[in-house]
Amino acid sequence: MDFALAGAGIGLAEPTQSAVVSQLLPDRLRGRGFGVLGAIQAAGDVVATVVAGLLYT
């Protein structure tokens, strides 16, 4: 159940984050903004995986 709730939260948050980046940044900075967003999301995925592994083992 925990992972289902986490998946639902991610499913709501990530499209919203992308929409915010596309709306707030000018065209010339949009690619960089999506790159930064992707890097932050990837770092969060790594941390979350490590924490989940520690909690469930």
PDB file of N, CA and C in Angstrom:
ATOM      1  N   MET A   1       0.816  -1.192   0.000  1.00  0.00           N
ATOM      2  CA  MET A   1       0.000   0.000   0.000  1.00  0.00           C
ATOM      3  C   MET A   1       0.866   1.266   0.000  1.00  0.00           C
ATOM      4  N   ASP A   2       1.967   1.212   0.750  1.00  0.00           N
ATOM      5  CA  ASP A   2       2.843   2.390   0.817  1.00  0.00           C
ATOM      6  C   ASP A   2       3.369   2.776  -0.558  1.00  0.00           C
ATOM      7  N   PHE A   3       3.798   1.766  -1.306  1.00  0.00           N
ATOM      8  CA  PHE A   3       4.367   2.057  -2.623  1.00  0.00           C
ATOM      9  C   PHE A   3       3.290   2.519  -3.602  1.00  0.00           C
ATOM     10  N   ALA A   4       2.070   2.048  -3.428  1.00  0.00           N
ATOM     11  CA  ALA A   4       0.974   2.518  -4.281  1.00  0.00           C
ATOM     12  C   ALA A   4       0.700   3.997  -4.029  1.00  0.00           C
ATOM     13  N   LEU A   5       0.721   4.398  -2.773  1.00  0.00           N
ATOM     14  CA  LEU A   5       0.521   5.814  -2.448  1.00  0.00           C
ATOM     15  C   LEU A   5       1.678   6.662  -2.958  1.00  0.00           C
ATOM     16  N   ALA A   6       2.890   6.144  -2.825  1.00  0.00           N
ATOM     17  CA  ALA A   6       4.050   6.876  -3.340  1.00  0.00           C
ATOM     18  C   ALA A   6       3.948   7.028  -4.854  1.00  0.00           C
ATOM     19  N   GLY A   7       3.542   5.972  -5.531  1.00  0.00           N
ATOM     20  CA  GLY A   7       3.385   6.041  -6.981  1.00  0.00           C
ATOM     21  C   GLY A   7       2.318   7.037  -7.398  1.00  0.00           C
ATOM     22  N   ALA A   8       1.229   7.079  -6.658  1.00  0.00           N
ATOM     23  CA  ALA A   8       0.175   8.048  -6.962  1.00  0.00           C
ATOM     24  C   ALA A   8       0.677   9.470  -6.749  1.00  0.00           C
ATOM     25  N   GLY A   9       1.433   9.672  -5.691  1.00  0.00           N
ATOM     26  CA  GLY A   9       1.995  11.002  -5.433  1.00  0.00           C
ATOM     27  C   GLY A   9       2.953  11.436  -6.519  1.00  0.00           C
ATOM     28  N   ILE A  10       3.803  10.520  -6.945  1.00  0.00           N
ATOM     29  CA  ILE A  10       4.748  10.824  -8.019  1.00  0.00           C
ATOM     30  C   ILE A  10       3.986  11.109  -9.312  1.00  0.00           C
ATOM     31  N   GLY A  11       2.952  10.324  -9.563  1.00  0.00           N
ATOM     32  CA  GLY A  11       2.151  10.525 -10.767  1.00  0.00           C
ATOM     33  C   GLY A  11       1.461  11.882 -10.810  1.00  0.00           C
ATOM     34  N   LEU A  12       1.191  12.450  -9.655  1.00  0.00           N
ATOM     35  CA  LEU A  12       0.596  13.786  -9.602  1.00  0.00           C
ATOM     36  C   LEU A  12       1.656  14.882  -9.612  1.00  0.00           C
ATOM     37  N   ALA A  13       2.779  14.639  -8.956  1.00  0.00           N
ATOM     38  CA  ALA A  13       3.793  15.686  -8.783  1.00  0.00           C
ATOM     39  C   ALA A  13       4.619  15.930 -10.043  1.00  0.00           C
ATOM     40  N   GLU A  14       5.075  14.868 -10.693  1.00  0.00           N
ATOM     41  CA  GLU A  14       6.001  15.054 -11.815  1.00  0.00           C
ATOM     42  C   GLU A  14       5.387  15.812 -12.995  1.00  0.00           C
ATOM     43  N   PRO A  15       4.170  15.510 -13.418  1.00  0.00           N
ATOM     44  CA  PRO A  15       3.600  16.322 -14.502  1.00  0.00           C
ATOM     45  C   PRO A  15       3.404  17.785 -14.092  1.00  0.00           C
ATOM     46  N   THR A  16       3.083  18.002 -12.824  1.00  0.00           N
ATOM     47  CA  THR A  16       2.919  19.372 -12.335  1.00  0.00           C
ATOM     48  C   THR A  16       4.244  20.116 -12.370  1.00  0.00           C
ATOM     49  N   GLN A  17       5.314  19.450 -11.966  1.00  0.00           N
ATOM     50  CA  GLN A  17       6.639  20.075 -12.000  1.00  0.00           C
ATOM     51  C   GLN A  17       7.022  20.446 -13.431  1.00  0.00           C
ATOM     52  N   SER A  18       6.778  19.557 -14.357  1.00  0.00           N
ATOM     53  CA  SER A  18       7.094  19.841 -15.758  1.00  0.00           C
ATOM     54  C   SER A  18       6.275  21.012 -16.287  1.00  0.00           C
ATOM     55  N   ALA A  19       5.019  21.071 -15.905  1.00  0.00           N
ATOM     56  CA  ALA A  19       4.173  22.178 -16.343  1.00  0.00           C
ATOM     57  C   ALA A  19       4.670  23.504 -15.781  1.00  0.00           C
ATOM     58  N   VAL A  20       5.112  23.490 -14.531  1.00  0.00           N
ATOM     59  CA  VAL A  20       5.624  24.718 -13.915  1.00  0.00           C
ATOM     60  C   VAL A  20       6.886  25.181 -14.631  1.00  0.00           C
ATOM     61  N   VAL A  21       7.796  24.249 -14.922  1.00  0.00           N
ATOM     62  CA  VAL A  21       9.027  24.614 -15.631  1.00  0.00           C
ATOM     63  C   VAL A  21       8.688  25.208 -16.991  1.00  0.00           C
ATOM     64  N   SER A  22       7.786  24.576 -17.712  1.00  0.00           N
ATOM     65  CA  SER A  22       7.472  25.064 -19.059  1.00  0.00           C
ATOM     66  C   SER A  22       6.758  26.411 -19.033  1.00  0.00           C
ATOM     67  N   GLN A  23       6.005  26.685 -17.985  1.00  0.00           N
ATOM     68  CA  GLN A  23       5.273  27.948 -17.903  1.00  0.00           C
ATOM     69  C   GLN A  23       6.130  29.102 -17.384  1.00  0.00           C
ATOM     70  N   LEU A  24       7.046  28.822 -16.465  1.00  0.00           N
ATOM     71  CA  LEU A  24       7.789  29.899 -15.815  1.00  0.00           C
ATOM     72  C   LEU A  24       9.058  30.317 -16.549  1.00  0.00           C
ATOM     73  N   LEU A  25       9.657  29.398 -17.295  1.00  0.00           N
ATOM     74  CA  LEU A  25      10.931  29.722 -17.932  1.00  0.00           C
ATOM     75  C   LEU A  25      10.732  30.195 -19.366  1.00  0.00           C
ATOM     76  N   PRO A  26      11.522  31.171 -19.790  1.00  0.00           N
ATOM     77  CA  PRO A  26      11.465  31.592 -21.191  1.00  0.00           C
ATOM     78  C   PRO A  26      12.015  30.487 -22.095  1.00  0.00           C
ATOM     79  N   ASP A  27      11.698  30.573 -23.370  1.00  0.00           N
ATOM     80  CA  ASP A  27      12.103  29.535 -24.324  1.00  0.00           C
ATOM     81  C   ASP A  27      13.596  29.243 -24.274  1.00  0.00           C
ATOM     82  N   ARG A  28      14.413  30.263 -24.157  1.00  0.00           N
ATOM     83  CA  ARG A  28      15.863  30.060 -24.215  1.00  0.00           C
ATOM     84  C   ARG A  28      16.410  29.328 -22.989  1.00  0.00           C
ATOM     85  N   LEU A  29      15.672  29.292 -21.881  1.00  0.00           N
ATOM     86  CA  LEU A  29      16.127  28.615 -20.662  1.00  0.00           C
ATOM     87  C   LEU A  29      15.364  27.329 -20.364  1.00  0.00           C
ATOM     88  N   ARG A  30      14.386  27.023 -21.187  1.00  0.00           N
ATOM     89  CA  ARG A  30      13.517  25.882 -20.892  1.00  0.00           C
ATOM     90  C   ARG A  30      14.276  24.555 -20.893  1.00  0.00           C
ATOM     91  N   GLY A  31      15.166  24.362 -21.850  1.00  0.00           N
ATOM     92  CA  GLY A  31      15.939  23.117 -21.892  1.00  0.00           C
ATOM     93  C   GLY A  31      16.798  22.940 -20.657  1.00  0.00           C
ATOM     94  N   ARG A  32      17.447  24.012 -20.240  1.00  0.00           N
ATOM     95  CA  ARG A  32      18.271  23.958 -19.030  1.00  0.00           C
ATOM     96  C   ARG A  32      17.399  23.681 -17.806  1.00  0.00           C
ATOM     97  N   GLY A  33      16.234  24.290 -17.759  1.00  0.00           N
ATOM     98  CA  GLY A  33      15.321  24.064 -16.635  1.00  0.00           C
ATOM     99  C   GLY A  33      14.881  22.617 -16.537  1.00  0.00           C
ATOM    100  N   PHE A  34      14.560  22.011 -17.689  1.00  0.00           N
ATOM    101  CA  PHE A  34      14.180  20.601 -17.668  1.00  0.00           C
ATOM    102  C   PHE A  34      15.368  19.711 -17.309  1.00  0.00           C
ATOM    103  N   GLY A  35      16.569  20.112 -17.713  1.00  0.00           N
ATOM    104  CA  GLY A  35      17.759  19.359 -17.331  1.00  0.00           C
ATOM    105  C   GLY A  35      17.991  19.388 -15.835  1.00  0.00           C
ATOM    106  N   VAL A  36      17.847  20.560 -15.238  1.00  0.00           N
ATOM    107  CA  VAL A  36      18.004  20.688 -13.784  1.00  0.00           C
ATOM    108  C   VAL A  36      16.913  19.898 -13.064  1.00  0.00           C
ATOM    109  N   LEU A  37      15.687  20.004 -13.543  1.00  0.00           N
ATOM    110  CA  LEU A  37      14.588  19.252 -12.942  1.00  0.00           C
ATOM    111  C   LEU A  37      14.862  17.752 -13.010  1.00  0.00           C
ATOM    112  N   GLY A  38      15.318  17.263 -14.154  1.00  0.00           N
ATOM    113  CA  GLY A  38      15.627  15.843 -14.294  1.00  0.00           C
ATOM    114  C   GLY A  38      16.746  15.402 -13.369  1.00  0.00           C
ATOM    115  N   ALA A  39      17.770  16.240 -13.209  1.00  0.00           N
ATOM    116  CA  ALA A  39      18.880  15.907 -12.314  1.00  0.00           C
ATOM    117  C   ALA A  39      18.406  15.836 -10.864  1.00  0.00           C
ATOM    118  N   ILE A  40      17.566  16.765 -10.472  1.00  0.00           N
ATOM    119  CA  ILE A  40      17.043  16.756  -9.102  1.00  0.00           C
ATOM    120  C   ILE A  40      16.161  15.533  -8.873  1.00  0.00           C
ATOM    121  N   GLN A  41      15.325  15.204  -9.848  1.00  0.00           N
ATOM    122  CA  GLN A  41      14.471  14.026  -9.717  1.00  0.00           C
ATOM    123  C   GLN A  41      15.305  12.749  -9.641  1.00  0.00           C
ATOM    124  N   ALA A  42      16.358  12.658 -10.443  1.00  0.00           N
ATOM    125  CA  ALA A  42      17.216  11.474 -10.419  1.00  0.00           C
ATOM    126  C   ALA A  42      17.929  11.344  -9.080  1.00  0.00           C
ATOM    127  N   ALA A  43      18.418  12.460  -8.549  1.00  0.00           N
ATOM    128  CA  ALA A  43      19.074  12.424  -7.241  1.00  0.00           C
ATOM    129  C   ALA A  43      18.084  11.984  -6.163  1.00  0.00           C
ATOM    130  N   GLY A  44      16.866  12.479  -6.244  1.00  0.00           N
ATOM    131  CA  GLY A  44      15.841  12.062  -5.290  1.00  0.00           C
ATOM    132  C   GLY A  44      15.506  10.589  -5.413  1.00  0.00           C
ATOM    133  N   ASP A  45      15.498  10.074  -6.636  1.00  0.00           N
ATOM    134  CA  ASP A  45      15.247   8.643  -6.842  1.00  0.00           C
ATOM    135  C   ASP A  45      16.335   7.792  -6.203  1.00  0.00           C
ATOM    136  N   VAL A  46      17.584   8.220  -6.334  1.00  0.00           N
ATOM    137  CA  VAL A  46      18.699   7.474  -5.738  1.00  0.00           C
ATOM    138  C   VAL A  46      18.569   7.469  -4.219  1.00  0.00           C
ATOM    139  N   VAL A  47      18.338   8.627  -3.643  1.00  0.00           N
ATOM    140  CA  VAL A  47      18.208   8.718  -2.184  1.00  0.00           C
ATOM    141  C   VAL A  47      17.021   7.890  -1.701  1.00  0.00           C
ATOM    142  N   ALA A  48      15.894   7.988  -2.383  1.00  0.00           N
ATOM    143  CA  ALA A  48      14.703   7.242  -1.982  1.00  0.00           C
ATOM    144  C   ALA A  48      14.928   5.736  -2.070  1.00  0.00           C
ATOM    145  N   THR A  49      15.645   5.291  -3.085  1.00  0.00           N
ATOM    146  CA  THR A  49      15.926   3.865  -3.230  1.00  0.00           C
ATOM    147  C   THR A  49      16.801   3.364  -2.092  1.00  0.00           C
ATOM    148  N   VAL A  50      17.809   4.125  -1.738  1.00  0.00           N
ATOM    149  CA  VAL A  50      18.695   3.735  -0.633  1.00  0.00           C
ATOM    150  C   VAL A  50      17.917   3.700   0.682  1.00  0.00           C
ATOM    151  N   VAL A  51      17.130   4.719   0.937  1.00  0.00           N
ATOM    152  CA  VAL A  51      16.352   4.771   2.181  1.00  0.00           C
ATOM    153  C   VAL A  51      15.352   3.619   2.232  1.00  0.00           C
ATOM    154  N   ALA A  52      14.650   3.362   1.138  1.00  0.00           N
ATOM    155  CA  ALA A  52      13.692   2.254   1.107  1.00  0.00           C
ATOM    156  C   ALA A  52      14.401   0.927   1.324  1.00  0.00           C
ATOM    157  N   GLY A  53      15.571   0.759   0.725  1.00  0.00           N
ATOM    158  CA  GLY A  53      16.332  -0.469   0.931  1.00  0.00           C
ATOM    159  C   GLY A  53      16.738  -0.656   2.380  1.00  0.00           C
ATOM    160  N   LEU A  54      17.146   0.418   3.023  1.00  0.00           N
ATOM    161  CA  LEU A  54      17.528   0.334   4.435  1.00  0.00           C
ATOM    162  C   LEU A  54      16.325   0.041   5.330  1.00  0.00           C
ATOM    163  N   LEU A  55      15.189   0.601   5.005  1.00  0.00           N
ATOM    164  CA  LEU A  55      14.000   0.398   5.832  1.00  0.00           C
ATOM    165  C   LEU A  55      13.400  -0.997   5.676  1.00  0.00           C
ATOM    166  N   TYR A  56      13.499  -1.566   4.486  1.00  0.00           N
ATOM    167  CA  TYR A  56      12.840  -2.840   4.222  1.00  0.00           C
ATOM    168  C   TYR A  56      13.766  -4.038   4.281  1.00  0.00           C
ATOM    169  N   THR A  57      15.008  -3.849   4.734  1.00  0.00           N
ATOM    170  CA  THR A  57      15.909  -5.008   4.886  1.00  0.00           C
ATOM    171  C   THR A  57      16.327  -5.179   6.308  1.00  0.00           C
TER     172      THR A  57
END
